[in-house]
């Protein structure tokens, strides 16, 4: 996949997320091992790890980010109870999701989550406009990028290959088929969890003594 202006303009595709059958539950009793490209918030010493696989083109992921994540962050991340790990995934339209991640990486780690949040909040409007390139360009400029820098980021084939490689590994290693997918201390939960459902999962994980984790070959 090569991302260029043609791939992002006038696609007419709506962000719908995946509707594939749920993958088998992976038996785990400990937080997931670190993976290349992880972006995280919260204390590394937190007793519970929440890993989210999400796609910037998934409407369900956008809803969870916009409606649930603020309360989740205040209640669990900011209080030191949870270490939140975000892992990038791609759903249709793939070019848009990948372009969003390339943009966030180009802006840099310090503002990565700000870019992700902005894209999710503007996702519906961008799709409705049928100008995905223009929508992302506006966001890039809002974070200080020139049009030339934005274009260079989206045309970076090496960076795109890295995104694709991470997604391929995730598909095999963690059997990701649905977005969003969460792992709470290794326990899989699929779909956009309500805040109280997430709270119950976190409480269950906090009350359980995890077994030592084994490295996962990627």
N, C-alpha and C. Protein backbone atom coordinates (compact mmCIF):
# COMPACT_ATOMS: atom_id res chain seq x y z
N UNK A 1 0.84 -1.19 0.00
CA UNK A 1 0.00 0.00 0.00
C UNK A 1 0.88 1.24 0.00
N UNK A 2 0.64 2.13 -0.92
CA UNK A 2 1.34 3.40 -0.97
C UNK A 2 0.32 4.49 -0.69
N UNK A 3 0.65 5.37 0.24
CA UNK A 3 -0.27 6.45 0.58
C UNK A 3 0.08 7.68 -0.24
N UNK A 4 -0.87 8.15 -1.00
CA UNK A 4 -0.67 9.40 -1.72
C UNK A 4 -2.01 10.14 -1.75
N UNK A 5 -2.02 11.28 -2.39
CA UNK A 5 -3.22 12.09 -2.43
C UNK A 5 -4.40 11.33 -3.04
N UNK A 6 -4.13 10.51 -4.05
CA UNK A 6 -5.21 9.77 -4.72
C UNK A 6 -5.87 8.77 -3.78
N UNK A 7 -5.07 8.25 -2.84
CA UNK A 7 -5.61 7.24 -1.93
C UNK A 7 -6.52 7.84 -0.87
N UNK A 8 -6.43 9.14 -0.68
CA UNK A 8 -7.15 9.76 0.41
C UNK A 8 -8.22 10.76 -0.02
N UNK A 9 -8.34 11.03 -1.29
CA UNK A 9 -9.32 12.02 -1.74
C UNK A 9 -10.49 11.31 -2.40
N UNK A 10 -11.69 11.68 -1.99
CA UNK A 10 -12.90 11.25 -2.68
C UNK A 10 -13.16 9.77 -2.66
N UNK A 11 -12.78 9.08 -1.58
CA UNK A 11 -13.00 7.64 -1.55
C UNK A 11 -14.47 7.32 -1.31
N UNK A 12 -15.16 8.20 -0.59
CA UNK A 12 -16.56 7.95 -0.29
C UNK A 12 -16.78 6.82 0.67
N UNK A 13 -15.73 6.35 1.34
CA UNK A 13 -15.85 5.23 2.25
C UNK A 13 -16.21 5.72 3.65
N UNK A 14 -17.15 5.04 4.29
CA UNK A 14 -17.50 5.37 5.67
C UNK A 14 -16.65 4.54 6.61
N UNK A 15 -16.38 5.10 7.79
CA UNK A 15 -15.63 4.36 8.79
C UNK A 15 -16.59 3.44 9.52
N UNK A 16 -16.44 2.14 9.34
CA UNK A 16 -17.40 1.21 9.92
C UNK A 16 -16.78 0.23 10.89
N UNK A 17 -15.46 0.13 10.95
CA UNK A 17 -14.84 -0.85 11.82
C UNK A 17 -14.97 -2.25 11.22
N UNK A 18 -14.40 -3.25 11.87
CA UNK A 18 -14.47 -4.61 11.38
C UNK A 18 -15.70 -5.33 11.93
N UNK A 19 -16.22 -6.24 11.16
CA UNK A 19 -17.36 -7.03 11.61
C UNK A 19 -17.06 -8.52 11.47
N UNK A 20 -15.78 -8.87 11.56
CA UNK A 20 -15.40 -10.27 11.45
C UNK A 20 -15.79 -11.03 12.71
N UNK A 21 -15.84 -12.34 12.59
CA UNK A 21 -16.16 -13.16 13.76
C UNK A 21 -15.08 -12.99 14.81
N UNK A 22 -15.48 -13.09 16.05
CA UNK A 22 -14.53 -12.91 17.15
C UNK A 22 -13.46 -13.99 17.11
N UNK A 23 -12.24 -13.60 17.41
CA UNK A 23 -11.14 -14.56 17.47
C UNK A 23 -11.22 -15.36 18.75
N UNK A 24 -10.65 -16.57 18.76
CA UNK A 24 -10.65 -17.36 20.00
C UNK A 24 -9.93 -16.60 21.10
N UNK A 25 -10.41 -16.76 22.33
CA UNK A 25 -9.76 -16.11 23.45
C UNK A 25 -8.38 -16.71 23.67
N UNK A 26 -7.40 -15.86 23.87
CA UNK A 26 -6.05 -16.32 24.15
C UNK A 26 -5.90 -16.42 25.66
N UNK A 27 -5.54 -17.59 26.15
CA UNK A 27 -5.42 -17.77 27.59
C UNK A 27 -4.16 -17.07 28.09
N UNK A 28 -4.36 -16.02 28.87
CA UNK A 28 -3.24 -15.30 29.45
C UNK A 28 -3.60 -14.94 30.88
N UNK A 29 -2.59 -14.88 31.74
CA UNK A 29 -2.83 -14.51 33.12
C UNK A 29 -1.85 -13.43 33.57
N UNK A 30 -1.35 -12.67 32.62
CA UNK A 30 -0.39 -11.63 32.96
C UNK A 30 -0.44 -10.54 31.89
N UNK A 31 0.06 -9.35 32.22
CA UNK A 31 0.12 -8.29 31.21
C UNK A 31 0.86 -8.74 29.96
N UNK A 32 0.47 -8.17 28.82
CA UNK A 32 1.13 -8.50 27.57
C UNK A 32 2.56 -7.96 27.57
N UNK A 33 3.49 -8.72 27.01
CA UNK A 33 4.86 -8.20 26.88
C UNK A 33 4.88 -6.97 25.98
N UNK A 34 5.88 -6.14 26.16
CA UNK A 34 6.02 -4.95 25.32
C UNK A 34 6.19 -5.37 23.86
N UNK A 35 5.68 -4.53 22.96
CA UNK A 35 5.82 -4.77 21.53
C UNK A 35 6.38 -3.51 20.88
N UNK A 36 7.10 -3.69 19.80
CA UNK A 36 7.68 -2.55 19.10
C UNK A 36 6.58 -1.59 18.66
N UNK A 37 6.79 -0.31 18.91
CA UNK A 37 5.83 0.70 18.50
C UNK A 37 4.79 1.05 19.54
N UNK A 38 4.83 0.39 20.70
CA UNK A 38 3.87 0.70 21.76
C UNK A 38 3.94 2.18 22.13
N UNK A 39 2.77 2.78 22.35
CA UNK A 39 2.68 4.12 22.90
C UNK A 39 1.86 4.00 24.18
N UNK A 40 2.34 4.61 25.26
CA UNK A 40 1.71 4.35 26.55
C UNK A 40 1.50 5.61 27.37
N UNK A 41 0.51 5.52 28.26
CA UNK A 41 0.20 6.56 29.23
C UNK A 41 0.09 5.91 30.60
N UNK A 42 0.49 6.63 31.64
CA UNK A 42 0.33 6.13 32.99
C UNK A 42 1.60 5.54 33.56
N UNK A 43 1.55 5.25 34.83
CA UNK A 43 2.71 4.76 35.55
C UNK A 43 3.10 3.34 35.14
N UNK A 44 4.39 3.13 34.87
CA UNK A 44 4.86 1.76 34.59
C UNK A 44 4.67 0.83 35.78
N UNK A 45 4.47 1.41 36.97
CA UNK A 45 4.31 0.61 38.18
C UNK A 45 2.85 0.29 38.48
N UNK A 46 1.95 0.72 37.62
CA UNK A 46 0.53 0.46 37.84
C UNK A 46 0.26 -1.04 37.93
N UNK A 47 -0.70 -1.42 38.74
CA UNK A 47 -0.99 -2.83 38.95
C UNK A 47 -1.74 -3.49 37.82
N UNK A 48 -2.35 -2.68 36.96
CA UNK A 48 -3.13 -3.23 35.84
C UNK A 48 -2.67 -2.60 34.53
N UNK A 49 -2.51 -3.45 33.54
CA UNK A 49 -2.16 -2.98 32.19
C UNK A 49 -3.39 -3.14 31.29
N UNK A 50 -3.73 -2.06 30.60
CA UNK A 50 -4.81 -2.12 29.60
C UNK A 50 -4.19 -1.82 28.24
N UNK A 51 -4.24 -2.79 27.35
CA UNK A 51 -3.75 -2.62 25.99
C UNK A 51 -4.95 -2.48 25.07
N UNK A 52 -4.94 -1.44 24.24
CA UNK A 52 -6.01 -1.27 23.26
C UNK A 52 -5.45 -1.35 21.86
N UNK A 53 -6.02 -2.21 21.05
CA UNK A 53 -5.77 -2.21 19.61
C UNK A 53 -6.90 -1.41 18.96
N UNK A 54 -6.53 -0.37 18.24
CA UNK A 54 -7.55 0.49 17.63
C UNK A 54 -7.11 0.93 16.25
N UNK A 55 -8.09 1.32 15.44
CA UNK A 55 -7.84 1.84 14.11
C UNK A 55 -8.42 3.23 13.98
N UNK A 56 -7.66 4.13 13.38
CA UNK A 56 -8.13 5.51 13.23
C UNK A 56 -9.29 5.62 12.24
N UNK A 57 -9.56 4.58 11.47
CA UNK A 57 -10.69 4.62 10.55
C UNK A 57 -11.91 3.85 11.07
N UNK A 58 -11.83 3.38 12.31
CA UNK A 58 -12.92 2.61 12.91
C UNK A 58 -13.84 3.53 13.70
N UNK A 59 -15.11 3.56 13.36
CA UNK A 59 -16.06 4.44 14.04
C UNK A 59 -16.28 4.01 15.49
N UNK A 60 -16.19 2.72 15.75
CA UNK A 60 -16.35 2.22 17.12
C UNK A 60 -15.18 2.68 18.00
N UNK A 61 -13.99 2.68 17.42
CA UNK A 61 -12.81 3.16 18.14
C UNK A 61 -12.94 4.65 18.42
N UNK A 62 -13.44 5.39 17.43
CA UNK A 62 -13.63 6.83 17.61
C UNK A 62 -14.64 7.10 18.72
N UNK A 63 -15.72 6.33 18.74
CA UNK A 63 -16.74 6.52 19.78
C UNK A 63 -16.15 6.26 21.16
N UNK A 64 -15.35 5.19 21.29
CA UNK A 64 -14.76 4.88 22.59
C UNK A 64 -13.80 5.98 23.02
N UNK A 65 -13.00 6.44 22.06
CA UNK A 65 -12.06 7.53 22.38
C UNK A 65 -12.79 8.79 22.81
N UNK A 66 -13.84 9.13 22.09
CA UNK A 66 -14.52 10.40 22.32
C UNK A 66 -15.45 10.38 23.53
N UNK A 67 -16.09 9.24 23.77
CA UNK A 67 -17.12 9.18 24.80
C UNK A 67 -16.69 8.48 26.09
N UNK A 68 -15.76 7.55 26.00
CA UNK A 68 -15.39 6.75 27.18
C UNK A 68 -13.98 7.07 27.69
N UNK A 69 -13.05 7.26 26.77
CA UNK A 69 -11.66 7.43 27.17
C UNK A 69 -11.42 8.56 28.17
N UNK A 70 -12.07 9.74 28.02
CA UNK A 70 -11.82 10.81 29.00
C UNK A 70 -12.08 10.37 30.44
N UNK A 71 -13.19 9.68 30.67
CA UNK A 71 -13.50 9.19 32.02
C UNK A 71 -12.53 8.10 32.43
N UNK A 72 -12.18 7.23 31.49
CA UNK A 72 -11.21 6.16 31.75
C UNK A 72 -9.86 6.74 32.17
N UNK A 73 -9.42 7.75 31.47
CA UNK A 73 -8.13 8.38 31.79
C UNK A 73 -8.16 9.01 33.18
N UNK A 74 -9.20 9.78 33.46
CA UNK A 74 -9.30 10.46 34.75
C UNK A 74 -9.37 9.46 35.91
N UNK A 75 -10.14 8.42 35.69
CA UNK A 75 -10.43 7.47 36.78
C UNK A 75 -9.32 6.46 37.01
N UNK A 76 -8.61 6.08 35.94
CA UNK A 76 -7.66 4.98 36.09
C UNK A 76 -6.21 5.32 35.72
N UNK A 77 -6.01 6.07 34.67
CA UNK A 77 -4.64 6.40 34.26
C UNK A 77 -4.06 7.48 35.16
N UNK A 78 -4.79 8.56 35.32
CA UNK A 78 -4.28 9.69 36.10
C UNK A 78 -4.10 9.37 37.58
N UNK A 79 -4.81 8.36 38.06
CA UNK A 79 -4.70 7.96 39.47
C UNK A 79 -3.62 6.90 39.70
N UNK A 80 -2.95 6.47 38.63
CA UNK A 80 -1.88 5.50 38.78
C UNK A 80 -2.33 4.06 38.87
N UNK A 81 -3.62 3.80 38.63
CA UNK A 81 -4.13 2.44 38.74
C UNK A 81 -3.87 1.61 37.49
N UNK A 82 -3.77 2.29 36.34
CA UNK A 82 -3.67 1.58 35.06
C UNK A 82 -2.53 2.14 34.21
N UNK A 83 -1.81 1.25 33.60
CA UNK A 83 -0.85 1.59 32.54
C UNK A 83 -1.56 1.28 31.23
N UNK A 84 -1.82 2.33 30.44
CA UNK A 84 -2.57 2.19 29.19
C UNK A 84 -1.60 2.15 28.03
N UNK A 85 -1.74 1.12 27.19
CA UNK A 85 -0.87 0.94 26.03
C UNK A 85 -1.73 0.95 24.77
N UNK A 86 -1.39 1.83 23.85
CA UNK A 86 -2.14 1.95 22.59
C UNK A 86 -1.34 1.28 21.48
N UNK A 87 -1.99 0.39 20.75
CA UNK A 87 -1.35 -0.30 19.63
C UNK A 87 -2.14 -0.05 18.35
N UNK A 88 -1.41 0.33 17.33
CA UNK A 88 -2.02 0.72 16.06
C UNK A 88 -2.49 -0.49 15.27
N UNK A 89 -3.68 -0.37 14.68
CA UNK A 89 -4.22 -1.39 13.80
C UNK A 89 -4.86 -0.70 12.61
N UNK A 90 -5.11 -1.44 11.56
CA UNK A 90 -5.67 -0.87 10.34
C UNK A 90 -6.97 -1.55 9.95
N UNK A 91 -8.01 -0.75 9.74
CA UNK A 91 -9.26 -1.23 9.17
C UNK A 91 -9.61 -0.32 8.00
N UNK A 92 -10.56 -0.74 7.19
CA UNK A 92 -10.93 0.04 6.01
C UNK A 92 -11.52 1.39 6.39
N UNK A 93 -11.22 2.43 5.64
CA UNK A 93 -10.22 2.51 4.58
C UNK A 93 -8.80 2.53 5.15
N UNK A 94 -8.03 1.52 4.77
CA UNK A 94 -6.71 1.31 5.35
C UNK A 94 -5.79 2.52 5.19
N UNK A 95 -5.86 3.16 4.00
CA UNK A 95 -4.96 4.28 3.74
C UNK A 95 -5.16 5.42 4.73
N UNK A 96 -6.41 5.66 5.11
CA UNK A 96 -6.68 6.74 6.06
C UNK A 96 -6.10 6.41 7.43
N UNK A 97 -6.33 5.20 7.91
CA UNK A 97 -5.81 4.82 9.21
C UNK A 97 -4.29 4.90 9.23
N UNK A 98 -3.65 4.35 8.19
CA UNK A 98 -2.19 4.38 8.13
C UNK A 98 -1.67 5.80 8.06
N UNK A 99 -2.33 6.63 7.26
CA UNK A 99 -1.90 8.03 7.13
C UNK A 99 -1.99 8.75 8.46
N UNK A 100 -3.04 8.48 9.22
CA UNK A 100 -3.18 9.10 10.53
C UNK A 100 -2.05 8.73 11.47
N UNK A 101 -1.65 7.45 11.43
CA UNK A 101 -0.55 7.03 12.28
C UNK A 101 0.78 7.63 11.84
N UNK A 102 0.98 7.72 10.53
CA UNK A 102 2.21 8.36 10.02
C UNK A 102 2.27 9.82 10.46
N UNK A 103 1.12 10.48 10.43
CA UNK A 103 1.05 11.87 10.86
C UNK A 103 1.38 11.99 12.35
N UNK A 104 0.78 11.14 13.17
CA UNK A 104 1.02 11.20 14.61
C UNK A 104 2.49 10.93 14.94
N UNK A 105 3.09 9.97 14.25
CA UNK A 105 4.51 9.67 14.49
C UNK A 105 5.38 10.83 14.06
N UNK A 106 4.99 11.50 12.97
CA UNK A 106 5.79 12.63 12.48
C UNK A 106 5.73 13.81 13.44
N UNK A 107 4.57 14.05 14.03
CA UNK A 107 4.45 15.14 15.00
C UNK A 107 5.32 14.85 16.21
N UNK A 108 5.42 13.58 16.60
CA UNK A 108 6.35 13.20 17.64
C UNK A 108 5.70 12.59 18.87
N UNK A 109 6.49 11.83 19.66
CA UNK A 109 5.96 11.11 20.82
C UNK A 109 5.29 12.01 21.85
N UNK A 110 5.82 13.21 22.06
CA UNK A 110 5.28 14.09 23.10
C UNK A 110 3.83 14.48 22.83
N UNK A 111 3.44 14.53 21.56
CA UNK A 111 2.08 14.96 21.22
C UNK A 111 1.32 13.86 20.45
N UNK A 112 1.87 12.65 20.47
CA UNK A 112 1.26 11.54 19.73
C UNK A 112 -0.22 11.37 20.09
N UNK A 113 -0.51 11.29 21.39
CA UNK A 113 -1.89 11.04 21.80
C UNK A 113 -2.80 12.22 21.49
N UNK A 114 -2.26 13.43 21.45
CA UNK A 114 -3.05 14.59 21.05
C UNK A 114 -3.49 14.46 19.60
N UNK A 115 -2.57 14.00 18.75
CA UNK A 115 -2.91 13.83 17.33
C UNK A 115 -3.96 12.74 17.16
N UNK A 116 -3.76 11.61 17.84
CA UNK A 116 -4.72 10.51 17.75
C UNK A 116 -6.10 10.97 18.19
N UNK A 117 -6.17 11.70 19.30
CA UNK A 117 -7.44 12.20 19.81
C UNK A 117 -8.11 13.15 18.81
N UNK A 118 -7.31 14.02 18.21
CA UNK A 118 -7.86 14.98 17.24
C UNK A 118 -8.42 14.27 16.02
N UNK A 119 -7.71 13.28 15.52
CA UNK A 119 -8.19 12.54 14.36
C UNK A 119 -9.49 11.81 14.69
N UNK A 120 -9.54 11.16 15.84
CA UNK A 120 -10.77 10.47 16.22
C UNK A 120 -11.93 11.45 16.33
N UNK A 121 -11.69 12.61 16.91
CA UNK A 121 -12.78 13.57 17.09
C UNK A 121 -13.24 14.16 15.76
N UNK A 122 -12.36 14.22 14.78
CA UNK A 122 -12.71 14.79 13.48
C UNK A 122 -13.00 13.72 12.43
N UNK A 123 -12.92 12.46 12.82
CA UNK A 123 -13.06 11.35 11.88
C UNK A 123 -14.33 11.44 11.06
N UNK A 124 -15.48 11.58 11.71
CA UNK A 124 -16.77 11.58 11.00
C UNK A 124 -16.86 12.75 10.02
N UNK A 125 -16.42 13.92 10.46
CA UNK A 125 -16.48 15.10 9.58
C UNK A 125 -15.57 14.93 8.38
N UNK A 126 -14.41 14.32 8.59
CA UNK A 126 -13.49 14.11 7.47
C UNK A 126 -14.08 13.14 6.46
N UNK A 127 -14.68 12.06 6.93
CA UNK A 127 -15.29 11.11 6.00
C UNK A 127 -16.47 11.74 5.27
N UNK A 128 -17.25 12.53 5.98
CA UNK A 128 -18.39 13.19 5.34
C UNK A 128 -17.95 14.17 4.26
N UNK A 129 -16.77 14.74 4.42
CA UNK A 129 -16.28 15.74 3.47
C UNK A 129 -15.76 15.12 2.18
N UNK A 130 -15.50 13.81 2.19
CA UNK A 130 -14.89 13.13 1.04
C UNK A 130 -13.51 13.71 0.69
N UNK A 131 -12.85 14.33 1.64
CA UNK A 131 -11.51 14.89 1.41
C UNK A 131 -10.63 14.47 2.58
N UNK A 132 -10.23 13.21 2.57
CA UNK A 132 -9.45 12.68 3.67
C UNK A 132 -8.06 13.33 3.73
N UNK A 133 -7.47 13.54 2.57
CA UNK A 133 -6.16 14.19 2.52
C UNK A 133 -6.25 15.59 3.13
N UNK A 134 -7.22 16.35 2.68
CA UNK A 134 -7.39 17.72 3.18
C UNK A 134 -7.68 17.76 4.66
N UNK A 135 -8.48 16.81 5.14
CA UNK A 135 -8.81 16.78 6.56
C UNK A 135 -7.59 16.50 7.42
N UNK A 136 -6.77 15.54 6.99
CA UNK A 136 -5.56 15.23 7.75
C UNK A 136 -4.53 16.34 7.62
N UNK A 137 -4.47 16.97 6.44
CA UNK A 137 -3.55 18.09 6.25
C UNK A 137 -3.87 19.22 7.22
N UNK A 138 -5.14 19.51 7.39
CA UNK A 138 -5.55 20.56 8.32
C UNK A 138 -5.11 20.23 9.74
N UNK A 139 -5.24 18.97 10.11
CA UNK A 139 -4.80 18.56 11.44
C UNK A 139 -3.28 18.70 11.56
N UNK A 140 -2.57 18.25 10.53
CA UNK A 140 -1.12 18.37 10.54
C UNK A 140 -0.66 19.81 10.71
N UNK A 141 -1.30 20.71 9.99
CA UNK A 141 -0.95 22.13 10.11
C UNK A 141 -1.25 22.64 11.52
N UNK A 142 -2.32 22.11 12.12
CA UNK A 142 -2.66 22.52 13.48
C UNK A 142 -1.61 22.11 14.50
N UNK A 143 -0.82 21.11 14.14
CA UNK A 143 0.27 20.66 15.01
C UNK A 143 1.62 21.16 14.53
N UNK A 144 1.60 22.17 13.65
CA UNK A 144 2.83 22.85 13.30
C UNK A 144 3.56 22.35 12.06
N UNK A 145 2.97 21.41 11.33
CA UNK A 145 3.63 20.92 10.14
C UNK A 145 3.29 21.79 8.93
N UNK A 146 4.25 21.96 8.05
CA UNK A 146 3.97 22.60 6.78
C UNK A 146 3.35 21.56 5.85
N UNK A 147 2.78 22.01 4.75
CA UNK A 147 2.21 21.05 3.79
C UNK A 147 3.29 20.14 3.25
N UNK A 148 4.49 20.67 3.04
CA UNK A 148 5.60 19.85 2.53
C UNK A 148 5.99 18.78 3.55
N UNK A 149 6.02 19.13 4.83
CA UNK A 149 6.36 18.16 5.86
C UNK A 149 5.27 17.09 5.99
N UNK A 150 4.02 17.52 5.90
CA UNK A 150 2.91 16.58 5.95
C UNK A 150 2.98 15.60 4.79
N UNK A 151 3.19 16.11 3.58
CA UNK A 151 3.27 15.26 2.40
C UNK A 151 4.43 14.29 2.51
N UNK A 152 5.57 14.77 2.99
CA UNK A 152 6.74 13.89 3.15
C UNK A 152 6.45 12.77 4.14
N UNK A 153 5.73 13.08 5.22
CA UNK A 153 5.40 12.06 6.22
C UNK A 153 4.54 10.97 5.62
N UNK A 154 3.55 11.36 4.82
CA UNK A 154 2.64 10.38 4.24
C UNK A 154 3.26 9.62 3.07
N UNK A 155 4.33 10.14 2.51
CA UNK A 155 5.00 9.46 1.41
C UNK A 155 6.23 8.68 1.87
N UNK A 156 6.42 8.58 3.18
CA UNK A 156 7.56 7.87 3.75
C UNK A 156 7.29 6.36 3.70
N UNK A 157 7.82 5.72 2.66
CA UNK A 157 7.54 4.29 2.45
C UNK A 157 8.13 3.42 3.56
N UNK A 158 9.26 3.82 4.10
CA UNK A 158 9.89 3.06 5.18
C UNK A 158 9.01 3.09 6.42
N UNK A 159 8.49 4.26 6.76
CA UNK A 159 7.62 4.38 7.94
C UNK A 159 6.33 3.61 7.74
N UNK A 160 5.79 3.63 6.51
CA UNK A 160 4.57 2.88 6.21
C UNK A 160 4.82 1.39 6.35
N UNK A 161 5.98 0.92 5.89
CA UNK A 161 6.31 -0.49 6.00
C UNK A 161 6.38 -0.93 7.46
N UNK A 162 6.86 -0.04 8.32
CA UNK A 162 6.93 -0.34 9.75
C UNK A 162 5.53 -0.49 10.33
N UNK A 163 4.62 0.40 9.95
CA UNK A 163 3.23 0.31 10.41
C UNK A 163 2.62 -1.02 9.96
N UNK A 164 2.78 -1.35 8.70
CA UNK A 164 2.22 -2.59 8.17
C UNK A 164 2.80 -3.81 8.88
N UNK A 165 4.10 -3.77 9.18
CA UNK A 165 4.75 -4.90 9.85
C UNK A 165 4.18 -5.08 11.26
N UNK A 166 3.94 -3.97 11.96
CA UNK A 166 3.37 -4.07 13.31
C UNK A 166 1.97 -4.68 13.26
N UNK A 167 1.19 -4.28 12.28
CA UNK A 167 -0.17 -4.80 12.15
C UNK A 167 -0.16 -6.29 11.83
N UNK A 168 0.73 -6.70 10.93
CA UNK A 168 0.82 -8.11 10.57
C UNK A 168 1.21 -8.96 11.77
N UNK A 169 2.17 -8.47 12.57
CA UNK A 169 2.58 -9.21 13.75
C UNK A 169 1.45 -9.31 14.76
N UNK A 170 0.71 -8.21 14.93
CA UNK A 170 -0.40 -8.20 15.88
C UNK A 170 -1.48 -9.20 15.48
N UNK A 171 -1.74 -9.28 14.19
CA UNK A 171 -2.77 -10.18 13.69
C UNK A 171 -2.44 -11.62 14.03
N UNK A 172 -1.16 -11.97 13.90
CA UNK A 172 -0.73 -13.34 14.18
C UNK A 172 -0.55 -13.57 15.68
N UNK A 173 0.16 -12.65 16.33
CA UNK A 173 0.53 -12.83 17.73
C UNK A 173 -0.68 -12.76 18.66
N UNK A 174 -1.53 -11.76 18.47
CA UNK A 174 -2.65 -11.53 19.38
C UNK A 174 -4.00 -11.78 18.73
N UNK A 175 -4.01 -12.30 17.50
CA UNK A 175 -5.24 -12.72 16.81
C UNK A 175 -6.27 -11.59 16.78
N UNK A 176 -5.81 -10.42 16.38
CA UNK A 176 -6.70 -9.26 16.33
C UNK A 176 -7.54 -9.31 15.06
N UNK A 177 -8.85 -9.28 15.25
CA UNK A 177 -9.78 -9.26 14.12
C UNK A 177 -10.84 -8.18 14.28
N UNK A 178 -11.03 -7.71 15.49
CA UNK A 178 -12.08 -6.75 15.80
C UNK A 178 -11.46 -5.52 16.44
N UNK A 179 -11.93 -4.34 16.06
CA UNK A 179 -11.47 -3.14 16.73
C UNK A 179 -12.66 -2.40 17.31
N UNK A 180 -12.51 -1.83 18.53
CA UNK A 180 -11.32 -1.99 19.36
C UNK A 180 -11.28 -3.35 20.06
N UNK A 181 -10.08 -3.83 20.33
CA UNK A 181 -9.87 -5.00 21.17
C UNK A 181 -9.00 -4.56 22.35
N UNK A 182 -9.42 -4.95 23.55
CA UNK A 182 -8.69 -4.61 24.76
C UNK A 182 -8.13 -5.87 25.41
N UNK A 183 -6.97 -5.73 26.04
CA UNK A 183 -6.43 -6.76 26.90
C UNK A 183 -6.20 -6.13 28.27
N UNK A 184 -6.89 -6.65 29.27
CA UNK A 184 -6.75 -6.14 30.64
C UNK A 184 -5.96 -7.18 31.43
N UNK A 185 -4.69 -6.87 31.69
CA UNK A 185 -3.76 -7.86 32.25
C UNK A 185 -3.85 -9.18 31.50
N UNK A 186 -3.92 -9.07 30.18
CA UNK A 186 -3.88 -10.25 29.33
C UNK A 186 -5.23 -10.84 28.96
N UNK A 187 -6.29 -10.42 29.64
CA UNK A 187 -7.63 -10.95 29.33
C UNK A 187 -8.24 -10.15 28.19
N UNK A 188 -8.68 -10.86 27.15
CA UNK A 188 -9.22 -10.21 25.96
C UNK A 188 -10.67 -9.76 26.16
N UNK A 189 -10.96 -8.54 25.69
CA UNK A 189 -12.31 -8.01 25.63
C UNK A 189 -12.47 -7.34 24.27
N UNK A 190 -13.50 -7.67 23.54
CA UNK A 190 -13.68 -7.13 22.20
C UNK A 190 -14.85 -6.15 22.16
N UNK A 191 -14.67 -5.07 21.43
CA UNK A 191 -15.71 -4.07 21.28
C UNK A 191 -15.48 -2.90 22.21
N UNK A 192 -16.24 -1.83 21.99
CA UNK A 192 -16.09 -0.62 22.78
C UNK A 192 -16.75 -0.74 24.14
N UNK A 193 -15.96 -1.06 25.16
CA UNK A 193 -16.50 -1.31 26.49
C UNK A 193 -17.00 -0.03 27.16
N UNK A 194 -18.17 -0.11 27.78
CA UNK A 194 -18.67 0.99 28.60
C UNK A 194 -17.74 1.18 29.79
N UNK A 195 -17.75 2.36 30.38
CA UNK A 195 -16.81 2.66 31.45
C UNK A 195 -16.98 1.72 32.63
N UNK A 196 -18.20 1.36 32.98
CA UNK A 196 -18.41 0.47 34.13
C UNK A 196 -17.99 -0.96 33.81
N UNK A 197 -18.14 -1.37 32.56
CA UNK A 197 -17.66 -2.69 32.15
C UNK A 197 -16.14 -2.72 32.24
N UNK A 198 -15.50 -1.66 31.78
CA UNK A 198 -14.05 -1.57 31.88
C UNK A 198 -13.62 -1.54 33.35
N UNK A 199 -14.35 -0.81 34.18
CA UNK A 199 -14.02 -0.73 35.60
C UNK A 199 -14.08 -2.11 36.26
N UNK A 200 -15.09 -2.90 35.89
CA UNK A 200 -15.22 -4.25 36.45
C UNK A 200 -14.05 -5.13 36.00
N UNK A 201 -13.65 -4.99 34.74
CA UNK A 201 -12.53 -5.78 34.23
C UNK A 201 -11.23 -5.40 34.94
N UNK A 202 -11.06 -4.11 35.20
CA UNK A 202 -9.85 -3.64 35.90
C UNK A 202 -9.85 -4.12 37.34
N UNK A 203 -11.00 -4.06 38.01
CA UNK A 203 -11.09 -4.53 39.38
C UNK A 203 -10.79 -6.02 39.48
N UNK A 204 -11.29 -6.78 38.52
CA UNK A 204 -11.03 -8.22 38.48
C UNK A 204 -9.54 -8.49 38.30
N UNK A 205 -8.91 -7.73 37.40
CA UNK A 205 -7.48 -7.92 37.16
C UNK A 205 -6.66 -7.52 38.38
N UNK A 206 -7.06 -6.44 39.04
CA UNK A 206 -6.33 -5.97 40.21
C UNK A 206 -6.40 -6.96 41.36
N UNK A 207 -7.50 -7.70 41.43
CA UNK A 207 -7.70 -8.65 42.52
C UNK A 207 -7.01 -9.99 42.26
N UNK A 208 -6.58 -10.19 41.03
CA UNK A 208 -5.95 -11.45 40.66
C UNK A 208 -4.44 -11.31 40.69
N UNK A 209 -3.76 -12.35 41.14
CA UNK A 209 -2.32 -12.35 41.14
C UNK A 209 -1.85 -12.94 39.83
N UNK A 210 -1.25 -12.13 38.93
CA UNK A 210 -0.86 -12.66 37.63
C UNK A 210 0.31 -13.62 37.71
N UNK A 211 0.25 -14.61 36.84
CA UNK A 211 1.37 -15.53 36.72
C UNK A 211 2.48 -14.85 35.93
N UNK A 212 3.73 -15.30 36.11
CA UNK A 212 4.83 -14.70 35.35
C UNK A 212 4.58 -14.81 33.85
N UNK A 213 4.79 -13.72 33.15
CA UNK A 213 4.56 -13.71 31.71
C UNK A 213 5.72 -14.35 30.97
N UNK A 214 5.41 -14.95 29.85
CA UNK A 214 6.43 -15.56 29.00
C UNK A 214 6.58 -14.71 27.75
N UNK A 215 7.81 -14.54 27.28
CA UNK A 215 8.01 -13.73 26.07
C UNK A 215 7.22 -14.31 24.90
N UNK A 216 6.65 -13.43 24.13
CA UNK A 216 5.91 -13.82 22.93
C UNK A 216 6.78 -13.56 21.72
N UNK A 217 7.02 -14.59 20.96
CA UNK A 217 7.86 -14.43 19.77
C UNK A 217 7.07 -13.71 18.68
N UNK A 218 7.61 -12.57 18.22
CA UNK A 218 6.92 -11.80 17.19
C UNK A 218 7.45 -12.07 15.83
